[in-house]
Amino acid sequence: MSYIVDFKNVSTVGLESSPVAEALAGLRAHEARYFMNKYKHQFTVVPANESCETLDHVNRILNDERDIEFTAKPLETSRFQVENIKMAYIFYEDGLEVNVMYTVDDSKKRAVGFKLSEGMEIPKELEGKFKFARQKSKLAGTIRGSFFVIKGEY
């Protein structure tokens, strides 16, 4: 069942099993606010067990591009298109968010982003491979993020 993320009243619905549920809910709300403000798009998530296609899509890109496979349990996903950008998100139990931005008409603007919820450690799959920049968010506290450019066609 899908859930429209409310960025005014942050809720841990769907994320309760995470040890950093409050921070992860804030991170999810942070994304929802961005898409509403920039594109007037309602950010909707679905349970990971109902979105195998999105999981497979993101995992294929991670595996093909950087040989990354996360051991953390995926809790929720989101997949949509705004303007010419296809977006896919996975929110993991450990507090990690992975997003894929894939422009339809410009191969130079395609990337995978990683965001770490406040209070979580860097996942072992990313340790030493990426540098993380810090960003302050009223909804999510301190977010640490990194990314890589997608080179292949998906």
Protein backbone atom coordinates (compact mmCIF):
# COMPACT_ATOMS: atom_id res chain seq x y z
CA MET A 1 0.00 0.00 0.00
CA SER A 2 1.40 3.39 -0.97
CA TYR A 3 1.94 6.23 1.48
CA ILE A 4 2.15 9.95 0.64
CA VAL A 5 4.99 11.38 2.71
CA ASP A 6 3.92 14.34 4.86
CA PHE A 7 6.78 16.78 5.38
CA LYS A 8 4.84 19.00 7.78
CA ASN A 9 4.00 16.24 10.29
CA VAL A 10 6.93 13.83 10.05
CA SER A 11 5.92 10.23 10.72
CA THR A 12 7.92 7.02 11.09
CA VAL A 13 5.15 4.98 9.39
CA GLY A 14 6.83 2.15 7.48
CA LEU A 15 10.21 2.81 9.07
CA GLU A 16 9.55 1.64 12.63
CA SER A 17 12.05 -1.24 12.48
CA SER A 18 14.97 1.12 11.82
CA PRO A 19 17.28 1.90 14.76
CA VAL A 20 17.33 5.49 13.43
CA ALA A 21 13.63 5.63 12.50
CA GLU A 22 13.14 9.29 13.51
CA ALA A 23 16.15 10.47 11.51
CA LEU A 24 15.22 8.29 8.51
CA ALA A 25 11.65 9.65 8.62
CA GLY A 26 13.14 13.16 8.63
CA LEU A 27 15.30 12.30 5.64
CA ARG A 28 12.28 10.92 3.77
CA ALA A 29 10.30 14.08 4.64
CA HIS A 30 13.26 16.20 3.47
CA GLU A 31 13.00 14.55 0.02
CA ALA A 32 9.20 15.00 -0.01
CA ARG A 33 9.55 18.72 0.73
CA TYR A 34 12.13 19.15 -2.05
CA PHE A 35 9.92 17.55 -4.71
CA MET A 36 6.84 19.45 -3.59
CA ASN A 37 8.63 22.80 -3.58
CA LYS A 38 10.54 22.31 -6.84
CA TYR A 39 8.10 20.24 -8.94
CA LYS A 40 4.74 20.26 -7.08
CA HIS A 41 5.09 16.47 -6.92
CA GLN A 42 3.71 14.44 -4.00
CA PHE A 43 6.44 12.07 -2.82
CA THR A 44 4.86 8.65 -2.42
CA VAL A 45 6.55 5.53 -1.05
CA VAL A 46 5.57 1.86 -1.14
CA PRO A 47 6.80 -1.03 1.00
CA ALA A 48 9.90 -2.64 -0.50
CA ASN A 49 8.21 -6.05 -0.65
CA GLU A 50 5.66 -4.53 -3.06
CA SER A 51 8.22 -2.92 -5.36
CA CYS A 52 10.57 -5.59 -6.68
CA GLU A 53 10.89 -3.81 -10.03
CA THR A 54 12.28 -0.65 -8.40
CA LEU A 55 14.63 -2.67 -6.18
CA ASP A 56 15.90 -4.64 -9.18
CA HIS A 57 16.42 -1.45 -11.23
CA VAL A 58 18.46 0.34 -8.55
CA ASN A 59 20.40 -2.80 -7.55
CA ARG A 60 21.33 -3.47 -11.20
CA ILE A 61 22.76 0.04 -11.57
CA LEU A 62 24.67 -0.23 -8.25
CA ASN A 63 26.05 -3.63 -9.21
CA ASP A 64 26.91 -2.83 -12.84
CA GLU A 65 28.43 0.59 -12.18
CA ARG A 66 30.31 0.06 -8.88
CA ASP A 67 29.88 -3.58 -7.81
CA ILE A 68 27.87 -2.50 -4.74
CA GLU A 69 25.36 -4.78 -3.01
CA PHE A 70 23.88 -3.60 0.28
CA THR A 71 23.19 -6.10 3.04
CA ALA A 72 20.78 -3.77 4.85
CA LYS A 73 17.08 -4.54 4.53
CA PRO A 74 15.16 -2.23 2.15
CA LEU A 75 12.03 -0.85 3.84
CA GLU A 76 10.47 1.43 1.23
CA THR A 77 10.90 2.60 -2.34
CA SER A 78 9.66 5.39 -4.55
CA ARG A 79 9.78 5.67 -8.34
CA PHE A 80 8.43 8.46 -10.49
CA GLN A 81 9.21 10.93 -13.24
CA VAL A 82 9.24 14.73 -12.93
CA GLU A 83 9.78 16.68 -16.13
CA ASN A 84 12.59 14.83 -17.97
CA ILE A 85 14.02 13.13 -14.87
CA LYS A 86 13.27 9.57 -13.79
CA MET A 87 13.80 9.13 -10.05
CA ALA A 88 14.07 5.98 -7.96
CA TYR A 89 14.58 5.82 -4.18
CA ILE A 90 15.26 3.06 -1.68
CA PHE A 91 15.12 3.67 2.07
CA TYR A 92 17.03 1.03 4.06
CA GLU A 93 16.54 -0.14 7.63
CA ASP A 94 20.01 1.01 8.72
CA GLY A 95 19.15 4.63 7.79
CA LEU A 96 20.63 4.74 4.28
CA GLU A 97 18.80 6.34 1.38
CA VAL A 98 19.88 5.53 -2.18
CA ASN A 99 18.49 7.53 -5.07
CA VAL A 100 18.94 7.26 -8.81
CA MET A 101 18.47 10.37 -10.94
CA TYR A 102 18.28 9.49 -14.62
CA THR A 103 17.55 12.20 -17.17
CA VAL A 104 15.72 10.93 -20.21
CA ASP A 105 17.33 13.27 -22.75
CA ASP A 106 20.76 14.12 -21.31
CA SER A 107 23.21 11.32 -20.56
CA LYS A 108 25.47 13.80 -18.71
CA LYS A 109 22.95 14.25 -15.89
CA ARG A 110 22.61 10.75 -14.49
CA ALA A 111 23.78 9.84 -11.01
CA VAL A 112 23.33 7.65 -7.95
CA GLY A 113 23.16 9.47 -4.64
CA PHE A 114 23.68 8.18 -1.12
CA LYS A 115 22.35 9.93 1.97
CA LEU A 116 23.05 8.80 5.51
CA SER A 117 20.55 9.48 8.28
CA GLU A 118 21.85 11.27 11.35
CA GLY A 119 23.18 8.73 13.84
CA MET A 120 24.08 5.96 11.41
CA GLU A 121 27.56 4.72 10.54
CA ILE A 122 28.84 4.67 6.96
CA PRO A 123 27.80 1.28 5.52
CA LYS A 124 30.72 -1.08 5.01
CA GLU A 125 29.83 -1.26 1.29
CA LEU A 126 30.65 2.47 0.96
CA GLU A 127 33.50 2.81 3.48
CA GLY A 128 36.62 4.28 1.93
CA LYS A 129 35.01 4.50 -1.53
CA PHE A 130 33.21 7.84 -1.19
CA LYS A 131 33.70 11.14 0.59
CA PHE A 132 30.57 12.41 2.32
CA ALA A 133 29.59 16.07 2.48
CA ARG A 134 27.44 17.33 5.33
CA GLN A 135 24.16 19.16 4.86
CA LYS A 136 21.88 20.62 7.54
CA SER A 137 18.14 19.99 7.32
CA LYS A 138 15.38 21.19 9.62
CA LEU A 139 13.59 17.89 9.01
CA ALA A 140 16.52 15.46 9.05
CA GLY A 141 19.23 17.07 11.19
CA THR A 142 22.67 16.56 9.67
CA ILE A 143 22.61 14.57 6.44
CA ARG A 144 25.83 13.13 5.03
CA GLY A 145 25.71 12.60 1.27
CA SER A 146 27.74 11.45 -1.69
CA PHE A 147 27.15 10.38 -5.29
CA PHE A 148 28.64 8.93 -8.44
CA VAL A 149 27.87 9.57 -12.11
CA ILE A 150 26.16 6.78 -14.06
CA LYS A 151 28.12 5.88 -17.19
CA GLY A 152 25.93 3.11 -18.67
CA GLU A 153 22.47 3.07 -20.24
CA TYR A 154 19.59 1.76 -18.16
